[in-house]
Amino acid sequence: MTPTRTCSMAALLAALHSAGHAGRPLAVEDAGVSPLGQCQVEVWLERNRAGNDANAAVLAPACGVAEGLELGLEFGMPAHTRHAHQSRGLAVKWAPEAAQWAGWQLGAKASWGQSKSAESDRWQDGTFTVLGMASRSLAANWTVHANLGVDAGGDPSDTTAQAGLALVWTPHEKCLGFLEMTASENVPATRGVGMRYWLIADQLGLDVTVSKTNAVRQSTTVTVGLGWYGLSF
């Protein structure tokens, strides 16, 4: 398999699984949810050096539907219509305030996603992900997030373990930066870096991220996104 093909497939899998692992701007999920009656809408553009078929636009709305419970959707579309790979996902995230242990806020997330290739009019079998999350404040400006879970395809033999770790620095109320590492069984780990700038404090954020898969050529992925938070219904 060529490096370009490898990176293209990696980008498609990322789009398929991101409903289970996305907490913009991080890929590592934080143990927090939208409050009851509030929604958020995140949208971002993703570009991979592998080529046009690895580029996508993603829309991900989510709402707090009960105390400590969030329901989210995600839709991925190709940046160029001739590369008609699409993805869609559904996620339920649970992180009640009472779920704490030794200073850690705990949570769990279950998600399901599908993808459709340019060569087919049918959505492929869904992939199911279960993820445990833990977040903790280390100091006034530092927070750590940790993930551990499993990713299951239609065939039980496709089940893989995965993990993630992120360190977030908030030097000012208007911005944050982070370093992270994500890994999946039998797949090279991916390291990432990014930042968010709040155009409107805690309501409208602009973010940029850069990630790269270890030992894979042309695997650098850049995303630019916007997030709207605290939308009431």
Protein backbone atom coordinates (compact mmCIF):
# COMPACT_ATOMS: atom_id res chain seq x y z
CA MET A 1 0.00 0.00 0.00
CA THR A 2 1.46 3.39 -0.99
CA PRO A 3 2.01 6.17 1.59
CA THR A 4 -0.63 8.28 -0.15
CA ARG A 5 -3.17 5.48 0.03
CA THR A 6 -2.27 4.81 3.65
CA CYS A 7 -2.76 8.44 4.64
CA SER A 8 -5.99 8.70 2.69
CA MET A 9 -7.40 5.69 4.50
CA ALA A 10 -6.20 7.10 7.82
CA ALA A 11 -8.02 10.35 7.14
CA LEU A 12 -11.23 8.50 6.27
CA LEU A 13 -11.01 6.40 9.41
CA ALA A 14 -10.41 9.53 11.45
CA ALA A 15 -13.54 11.08 9.99
CA LEU A 16 -15.50 7.92 10.72
CA HIS A 17 -14.29 7.57 14.29
CA SER A 18 -14.13 11.22 15.27
CA ALA A 19 -17.65 11.17 16.65
CA GLY A 20 -16.18 8.99 19.36
CA HIS A 21 -12.97 10.89 19.91
CA ALA A 22 -13.44 14.48 19.09
CA GLY A 23 -13.50 17.31 21.70
CA ARG A 24 -12.38 20.21 19.56
CA PRO A 25 -9.77 21.38 19.34
CA LEU A 26 -8.31 18.24 20.94
CA ALA A 27 -8.57 14.72 19.55
CA VAL A 28 -8.42 13.44 23.14
CA GLU A 29 -11.86 13.67 24.74
CA ASP A 30 -12.37 15.66 27.95
CA ALA A 31 -14.63 14.48 30.77
CA GLY A 32 -17.17 17.27 30.38
CA VAL A 33 -20.57 17.75 28.75
CA SER A 34 -22.84 20.59 27.70
CA PRO A 35 -25.22 21.66 30.50
CA LEU A 36 -28.86 20.65 30.27
CA GLY A 37 -30.67 22.82 27.71
CA GLN A 38 -27.49 24.11 26.05
CA CYS A 39 -25.97 23.19 22.69
CA GLN A 40 -22.72 23.65 20.83
CA VAL A 41 -21.88 23.62 17.13
CA GLU A 42 -18.36 22.87 15.95
CA VAL A 43 -17.23 23.05 12.32
CA TRP A 44 -13.78 22.55 10.88
CA LEU A 45 -11.83 22.03 7.69
CA GLU A 46 -9.26 19.24 7.59
CA ARG A 47 -6.37 19.01 5.14
CA ASN A 48 -3.93 16.11 4.82
CA ARG A 49 -0.75 16.23 2.72
CA ALA A 50 -1.76 12.94 1.09
CA GLY A 51 -4.03 14.74 -1.40
CA ASN A 52 -7.53 16.01 -2.10
CA ASP A 53 -9.23 12.75 -1.16
CA ALA A 54 -7.95 13.22 2.39
CA ASN A 55 -9.46 16.71 2.78
CA ALA A 56 -12.83 17.19 4.44
CA ALA A 57 -15.27 19.61 6.05
CA VAL A 58 -16.90 18.43 9.29
CA LEU A 59 -20.00 19.65 11.15
CA ALA A 60 -20.56 18.44 14.72
CA PRO A 61 -23.52 19.70 16.80
CA ALA A 62 -24.16 18.47 20.36
CA CYS A 63 -26.68 19.26 23.12
CA GLY A 64 -27.08 18.58 26.82
CA VAL A 65 -30.27 16.48 27.03
CA ALA A 66 -30.12 15.69 30.77
CA GLU A 67 -27.90 16.48 33.73
CA GLY A 68 -24.49 15.07 32.87
CA LEU A 69 -25.68 13.63 29.54
CA GLU A 70 -24.88 14.93 26.05
CA LEU A 71 -26.08 13.79 22.63
CA GLY A 72 -23.95 14.60 19.58
CA LEU A 73 -24.00 14.17 15.81
CA GLU A 74 -21.24 14.48 13.24
CA PHE A 75 -21.25 14.81 9.47
CA GLY A 76 -18.14 14.73 7.27
CA MET A 77 -18.10 15.78 3.62
CA PRO A 78 -15.24 15.77 1.09
CA ALA A 79 -13.66 19.10 0.26
CA HIS A 80 -13.83 18.20 -3.45
CA THR A 81 -17.00 16.69 -4.91
CA ARG A 82 -15.18 14.20 -7.13
CA HIS A 83 -13.88 12.52 -3.96
CA ALA A 84 -17.26 11.59 -2.53
CA HIS A 85 -16.18 9.95 0.71
CA GLN A 86 -18.68 10.84 3.41
CA SER A 87 -19.04 10.03 7.10
CA ARG A 88 -21.72 10.34 9.74
CA GLY A 89 -21.84 9.53 13.43
CA LEU A 90 -23.91 9.54 16.60
CA ALA A 91 -22.48 9.82 20.13
CA VAL A 92 -23.79 9.75 23.70
CA LYS A 93 -21.51 11.22 26.36
CA TRP A 94 -22.04 10.79 30.11
CA ALA A 95 -20.07 12.82 32.68
CA PRO A 96 -22.13 13.68 35.78
CA GLU A 97 -20.59 16.09 38.26
CA ALA A 98 -20.72 13.40 40.97
CA ALA A 99 -18.48 11.04 38.96
CA GLN A 100 -15.24 12.05 40.65
CA TRP A 101 -12.38 10.11 42.18
CA ALA A 102 -9.16 11.36 43.81
CA GLY A 103 -9.46 14.73 42.10
CA TRP A 104 -10.32 13.28 38.68
CA GLN A 105 -13.55 14.05 36.84
CA LEU A 106 -14.69 10.84 35.14
CA GLY A 107 -16.95 10.11 32.19
CA ALA A 108 -17.81 7.67 29.43
CA LYS A 109 -18.77 7.94 25.79
CA ALA A 110 -20.38 5.55 23.32
CA SER A 111 -20.46 6.34 19.61
CA TRP A 112 -21.38 4.78 16.31
CA GLY A 113 -20.22 5.86 12.86
CA GLN A 114 -20.51 4.99 9.19
CA SER A 115 -18.74 5.96 5.98
CA LYS A 116 -19.64 5.91 2.29
CA SER A 117 -17.03 5.76 -0.45
CA ALA A 118 -17.05 7.32 -3.89
CA GLU A 119 -17.47 3.88 -5.47
CA SER A 120 -20.64 2.94 -3.56
CA ASP A 121 -24.08 4.42 -2.90
CA ARG A 122 -24.42 2.41 0.31
CA TRP A 123 -23.21 3.29 3.78
CA GLN A 124 -20.68 0.81 5.11
CA ASP A 125 -21.28 -1.20 8.29
CA GLY A 126 -21.08 0.94 11.40
CA THR A 127 -18.15 1.07 13.80
CA PHE A 128 -18.94 1.16 17.53
CA THR A 129 -16.65 2.84 20.06
CA VAL A 130 -16.75 2.85 23.87
CA LEU A 131 -14.44 5.27 25.62
CA GLY A 132 -13.60 6.05 29.24
CA MET A 133 -12.45 9.59 30.03
CA ALA A 134 -10.72 11.28 32.95
CA SER A 135 -9.78 14.94 33.42
CA ARG A 136 -7.90 16.68 36.21
CA SER A 137 -6.57 20.14 36.95
CA LEU A 138 -2.86 19.97 37.75
CA ALA A 139 -2.38 23.65 38.56
CA ALA A 140 -4.09 26.97 37.97
CA ASN A 141 -3.29 26.94 34.24
CA TRP A 142 -2.72 23.24 33.51
CA THR A 143 -5.17 20.39 32.86
CA VAL A 144 -4.64 16.78 31.81
CA HIS A 145 -7.10 14.54 29.93
CA ALA A 146 -6.78 10.77 29.54
CA ASN A 147 -8.78 8.32 27.42
CA LEU A 148 -8.95 4.53 27.29
CA GLY A 149 -11.38 2.50 25.20
CA VAL A 150 -12.13 -0.03 22.50
CA ASP A 151 -13.17 0.31 18.88
CA ALA A 152 -15.29 -2.50 17.40
CA GLY A 153 -16.17 -3.14 13.76
CA GLY A 154 -18.75 -5.50 12.35
CA ASP A 155 -16.36 -8.43 12.83
CA PRO A 156 -15.34 -9.18 16.45
CA SER A 157 -11.77 -9.72 15.22
CA ASP A 158 -11.67 -6.02 14.28
CA THR A 159 -11.90 -4.90 17.92
CA THR A 160 -8.92 -2.74 18.90
CA ALA A 161 -7.83 -1.00 22.07
CA GLN A 162 -7.04 2.71 22.00
CA ALA A 163 -5.73 5.38 24.34
CA GLY A 164 -5.04 9.09 24.44
CA LEU A 165 -3.32 11.62 26.67
CA ALA A 166 -3.39 15.43 26.44
CA LEU A 167 -1.86 18.29 28.39
CA VAL A 168 -3.64 21.66 28.13
CA TRP A 169 -2.13 25.02 29.07
CA THR A 170 -4.31 28.10 29.58
CA PRO A 171 -1.96 31.08 29.94
CA HIS A 172 -4.79 33.59 29.49
CA GLU A 173 -8.58 33.52 29.61
CA LYS A 174 -8.64 34.27 25.87
CA CYS A 175 -6.51 31.34 24.70
CA LEU A 176 -5.27 27.82 25.34
CA GLY A 177 -2.67 25.51 23.86
CA PHE A 178 -2.18 21.76 24.06
CA LEU A 179 0.03 18.78 23.33
CA GLU A 180 -1.45 15.30 22.89
CA MET A 181 -0.75 11.73 21.87
CA THR A 182 -3.29 9.16 20.64
CA ALA A 183 -2.65 5.48 19.95
CA SER A 184 -4.61 2.53 18.64
CA GLU A 185 -3.64 -1.14 18.73
CA ASN A 186 -1.48 -2.20 15.75
CA VAL A 187 -1.42 1.37 14.38
CA PRO A 188 1.41 3.95 14.80
CA ALA A 189 0.70 6.60 17.41
CA THR A 190 -0.31 10.13 16.40
CA ARG A 191 1.01 13.23 18.11
CA GLY A 192 -0.68 16.60 17.91
CA VAL A 193 -0.39 20.23 18.91
CA GLY A 194 -2.90 23.06 18.71
CA MET A 195 -4.41 26.20 20.15
CA ARG A 196 -7.72 27.98 20.55
CA TYR A 197 -8.39 31.71 20.71
CA TRP A 198 -11.69 32.89 22.16
CA LEU A 199 -13.20 35.57 19.93
CA ILE A 200 -16.02 35.77 22.50
CA ALA A 201 -15.03 34.35 25.89
CA ASP A 202 -16.34 30.78 26.34
CA GLN A 203 -18.81 31.25 23.47
CA LEU A 204 -17.03 31.59 20.11
CA GLY A 205 -13.60 30.04 19.59
CA LEU A 206 -11.20 29.86 16.64
CA ASP A 207 -8.80 26.91 16.68
CA VAL A 208 -5.90 25.47 14.68
CA THR A 209 -4.35 22.01 15.08
CA VAL A 210 -1.48 20.06 13.52
CA SER A 211 -1.02 16.30 13.91
CA LYS A 212 1.30 13.66 12.47
CA THR A 213 1.30 9.87 12.56
CA ASN A 214 4.61 8.34 13.61
CA ALA A 215 6.64 6.55 10.91
CA VAL A 216 4.13 7.43 8.17
CA ARG A 217 5.19 9.75 5.36
CA GLN A 218 2.88 12.57 4.28
CA SER A 219 0.69 12.04 7.33
CA THR A 220 0.62 15.64 8.59
CA THR A 221 -2.96 16.83 9.04
CA VAL A 222 -3.92 20.46 9.62
CA THR A 223 -7.37 21.58 10.79
CA VAL A 224 -8.91 25.03 11.19
CA GLY A 225 -12.22 25.33 12.99
CA LEU A 226 -14.81 27.42 14.78
CA GLY A 227 -16.87 26.46 17.81
CA TRP A 228 -20.04 28.08 19.14
CA TYR A 229 -20.99 27.21 22.73
CA GLY A 230 -23.70 27.98 25.25
CA LEU A 231 -26.53 28.02 22.70
CA SER A 232 -29.80 27.61 24.59
CA PHE A 233 -32.92 25.75 23.48
